[in-house]
């Protein structure tokens, strides 16, 4: 015949319990004992340890913003376990290599990262990559002064923070303050 399987919560004595289903809602070490047979023909009990591990926390990722077609860098996150990268919020296939986002079109793309410690994978953190259009150039008008005249600070109109650069069309050091032109000599300064 078929052997009877007996479950217990103690190594000796006690009464049988229904086939156990351990709760996995809190970290714990749960021990059951199992034997087979019945009455005087019951086998010794075998100890069965069930370890319920805590889920690791979600790693911490940082949202990033790029201008259209800017060279992106690989996404990063910090955690204490093995990082798992996803392109979907649930399910999907994990990549152990972080993604390098595309900047070829304007819009937001969400990436997700979780961490695994031991055999447990925790929740996913969302990392949003925003790609924005390049700013349009501000508008400004040239001014004329006579030598020795009192000059005013230059002005320009734009839709965001204005950056003022030196007299070179590329490179140089940015200044948040508009310059005031010198009027000590004749000539044109750009």
Protein backbone atom coordinates (compact mmCIF):
# COMPACT_ATOMS: atom_id res chain seq x y z
CA UNK A 1 0.00 0.00 0.00
CA UNK A 2 0.82 3.65 0.03
CA UNK A 3 2.79 4.98 3.01
CA UNK A 4 1.10 7.58 5.19
CA UNK A 5 3.02 10.89 5.47
CA UNK A 6 2.79 12.49 8.92
CA UNK A 7 3.67 16.12 9.64
CA UNK A 8 4.53 17.43 13.14
CA UNK A 9 5.68 20.65 14.78
CA UNK A 10 7.94 18.83 17.27
CA UNK A 11 10.67 16.22 16.94
CA UNK A 12 9.01 13.81 19.37
CA UNK A 13 5.49 13.43 20.68
CA UNK A 14 2.69 15.75 19.68
CA UNK A 15 -0.04 15.11 17.20
CA UNK A 16 0.01 15.14 13.44
CA UNK A 17 -0.91 18.33 11.61
CA UNK A 18 -2.34 18.81 8.12
CA UNK A 19 0.22 19.15 5.33
CA UNK A 20 1.83 22.51 6.22
CA UNK A 21 2.00 25.56 3.98
CA UNK A 22 4.44 28.03 5.57
CA UNK A 23 3.53 31.72 5.67
CA UNK A 24 5.95 33.86 3.72
CA UNK A 25 4.77 37.26 4.93
CA UNK A 26 7.58 37.83 7.46
CA UNK A 27 11.19 36.66 7.67
CA UNK A 28 11.43 33.53 9.82
CA UNK A 29 12.96 30.10 10.36
CA UNK A 30 10.17 27.53 10.51
CA UNK A 31 10.83 23.89 11.41
CA UNK A 32 8.53 20.97 10.65
CA UNK A 33 9.09 17.25 11.12
CA UNK A 34 7.90 14.53 8.78
CA UNK A 35 7.64 10.77 9.07
CA UNK A 36 5.99 8.02 7.10
CA UNK A 37 3.96 5.03 8.20
CA UNK A 38 1.54 4.75 11.10
CA UNK A 39 1.28 3.37 14.62
CA UNK A 40 4.22 1.11 15.61
CA UNK A 41 5.50 1.08 12.02
CA UNK A 42 6.14 4.83 11.81
CA UNK A 43 9.63 5.93 10.67
CA UNK A 44 11.82 8.33 12.61
CA UNK A 45 10.99 11.99 12.00
CA UNK A 46 13.04 13.99 9.51
CA UNK A 47 13.57 17.69 10.29
CA UNK A 48 12.51 20.10 7.52
CA UNK A 49 13.75 23.71 7.96
CA UNK A 50 12.08 26.48 6.00
CA UNK A 51 13.88 29.84 5.87
CA UNK A 52 11.81 32.86 4.89
CA UNK A 53 14.26 35.59 3.88
CA UNK A 54 13.47 39.30 3.90
CA UNK A 55 13.16 40.93 0.49
CA UNK A 56 15.96 43.36 -0.27
CA UNK A 57 14.98 47.00 -0.62
CA UNK A 58 14.76 48.59 -4.05
CA UNK A 59 18.11 50.01 -5.17
CA UNK A 60 18.38 53.76 -5.67
CA UNK A 61 18.56 55.06 -9.22
CA UNK A 62 18.77 58.65 -10.44
CA UNK A 63 16.61 60.17 -13.16
CA UNK A 64 18.61 61.77 -15.98
CA UNK A 65 17.89 64.43 -18.59
CA UNK A 66 19.62 64.75 -21.95
CA UNK A 67 19.34 67.11 -24.87
CA UNK A 68 18.33 65.59 -28.20
CA UNK A 69 21.23 63.54 -29.66
CA UNK A 70 23.48 64.20 -26.65
CA UNK A 71 25.91 61.35 -25.92
CA UNK A 72 24.34 59.28 -23.12
CA UNK A 73 26.12 57.30 -20.42
CA UNK A 74 25.18 53.96 -18.94
CA UNK A 75 22.48 54.13 -16.23
CA UNK A 76 23.57 53.68 -12.63
CA UNK A 77 21.95 52.67 -9.37
CA UNK A 78 23.25 51.88 -5.91
CA UNK A 79 22.32 48.83 -3.90
CA UNK A 80 23.80 46.08 -1.77
CA UNK A 81 22.88 43.10 -3.96
CA UNK A 82 23.08 42.08 -7.59
CA UNK A 83 21.37 44.70 -9.77
CA UNK A 84 18.75 43.52 -12.26
CA UNK A 85 17.81 45.91 -15.10
CA UNK A 86 14.42 45.87 -16.85
CA UNK A 87 12.55 47.84 -19.50
CA UNK A 88 9.16 46.96 -17.94
CA UNK A 89 7.73 47.61 -14.47
CA UNK A 90 6.75 43.97 -13.85
CA UNK A 91 7.75 40.71 -15.47
CA UNK A 92 10.19 40.85 -18.35
CA UNK A 93 13.70 39.48 -18.57
CA UNK A 94 16.39 40.86 -16.28
CA UNK A 95 19.68 42.11 -17.64
CA UNK A 96 22.70 42.14 -15.34
CA UNK A 97 24.13 44.92 -17.52
CA UNK A 98 22.71 48.42 -17.11
CA UNK A 99 21.19 50.04 -20.17
CA UNK A 100 22.60 52.98 -22.11
CA UNK A 101 19.56 55.05 -23.09
CA UNK A 102 18.91 56.40 -26.57
CA UNK A 103 18.79 60.17 -27.08
CA UNK A 104 17.64 60.05 -30.71
CA UNK A 105 14.08 61.20 -30.00
CA UNK A 106 12.40 63.62 -27.61
CA UNK A 107 10.38 62.15 -24.74
CA UNK A 108 10.62 60.12 -21.54
CA UNK A 109 11.66 56.49 -21.25
CA UNK A 110 11.36 54.54 -18.01
CA UNK A 111 13.85 51.89 -16.96
CA UNK A 112 13.59 49.73 -13.85
CA UNK A 113 16.17 48.26 -11.51
CA UNK A 114 15.84 45.77 -8.66
CA UNK A 115 18.37 43.94 -6.57
CA UNK A 116 18.76 40.30 -5.62
CA UNK A 117 20.28 39.19 -2.35
CA UNK A 118 20.63 35.44 -2.06
CA UNK A 119 17.63 34.03 -3.90
CA UNK A 120 15.26 36.93 -3.14
CA UNK A 121 14.60 39.73 -5.61
CA UNK A 122 13.21 42.96 -4.18
CA UNK A 123 10.97 45.64 -5.68
CA UNK A 124 11.97 47.74 -8.69
CA UNK A 125 12.99 51.38 -8.65
CA UNK A 126 12.04 53.46 -11.68
CA UNK A 127 14.64 55.57 -13.50
CA UNK A 128 13.19 58.09 -15.96
CA UNK A 129 15.36 59.26 -18.84
CA UNK A 130 14.09 62.54 -20.33
CA UNK A 131 15.26 63.70 -23.74
CA UNK A 132 14.45 67.32 -24.52
CA UNK A 133 14.76 69.50 -27.61
CA UNK A 134 17.72 71.80 -27.89
CA UNK A 135 16.90 75.34 -26.79
CA UNK A 136 16.40 77.91 -29.50
CA UNK A 137 18.85 80.80 -29.53
CA UNK A 138 17.73 83.87 -27.57
CA UNK A 139 17.12 87.11 -29.43
CA UNK A 140 19.34 90.13 -28.94
CA UNK A 141 20.03 93.35 -30.82
CA UNK A 142 23.33 95.08 -31.45
CA UNK A 143 23.96 98.52 -29.97
CA UNK A 144 26.05 101.52 -31.09
CA UNK A 145 27.97 103.85 -28.75
CA UNK A 146 30.19 106.85 -29.19
CA UNK A 147 33.69 106.64 -27.69
CA UNK A 148 33.54 107.45 -23.99
CA UNK A 149 29.73 107.12 -23.75
CA UNK A 150 28.19 105.39 -20.75
CA UNK A 151 27.24 101.86 -21.85
CA UNK A 152 24.32 99.80 -20.55
CA UNK A 153 24.38 96.12 -19.67
CA UNK A 154 23.54 94.00 -22.72
CA UNK A 155 20.09 92.39 -22.89
CA UNK A 156 18.61 89.37 -24.63
CA UNK A 157 15.24 87.62 -24.58
CA UNK A 158 14.85 83.87 -24.14
CA UNK A 159 12.55 81.27 -22.62
CA UNK A 160 14.95 79.92 -20.00
CA UNK A 161 18.18 80.83 -18.20
CA UNK A 162 20.46 83.00 -20.34
CA UNK A 163 24.16 82.13 -20.49
CA UNK A 164 26.60 84.84 -21.51
CA UNK A 165 29.89 83.83 -23.09
CA UNK A 166 33.06 85.74 -23.90
CA UNK A 167 33.86 87.11 -27.33
CA UNK A 168 34.51 83.69 -28.93
CA UNK A 169 31.65 81.89 -30.74
CA UNK A 170 32.62 78.55 -29.12
CA UNK A 171 34.25 77.51 -25.86
CA UNK A 172 35.06 79.94 -23.10
CA UNK A 173 33.56 80.41 -19.67
CA UNK A 174 29.84 80.90 -19.09
CA UNK A 175 28.63 83.84 -17.03
CA UNK A 176 25.08 84.25 -15.72
CA UNK A 177 25.49 88.03 -15.75
CA UNK A 178 25.23 90.04 -18.95
CA UNK A 179 28.34 92.08 -19.80
CA UNK A 180 28.56 95.84 -20.12
CA UNK A 181 30.56 96.82 -23.24
CA UNK A 182 33.63 99.05 -23.05
CA UNK A 183 33.47 102.36 -24.97
CA UNK A 184 37.13 103.38 -24.55
CA UNK A 185 38.16 102.60 -28.15
CA UNK A 186 36.50 102.56 -31.59
CA UNK A 187 35.69 99.17 -33.11
CA UNK A 188 33.19 96.33 -33.08
CA UNK A 189 33.04 93.69 -30.34
CA UNK A 190 30.85 90.62 -30.67
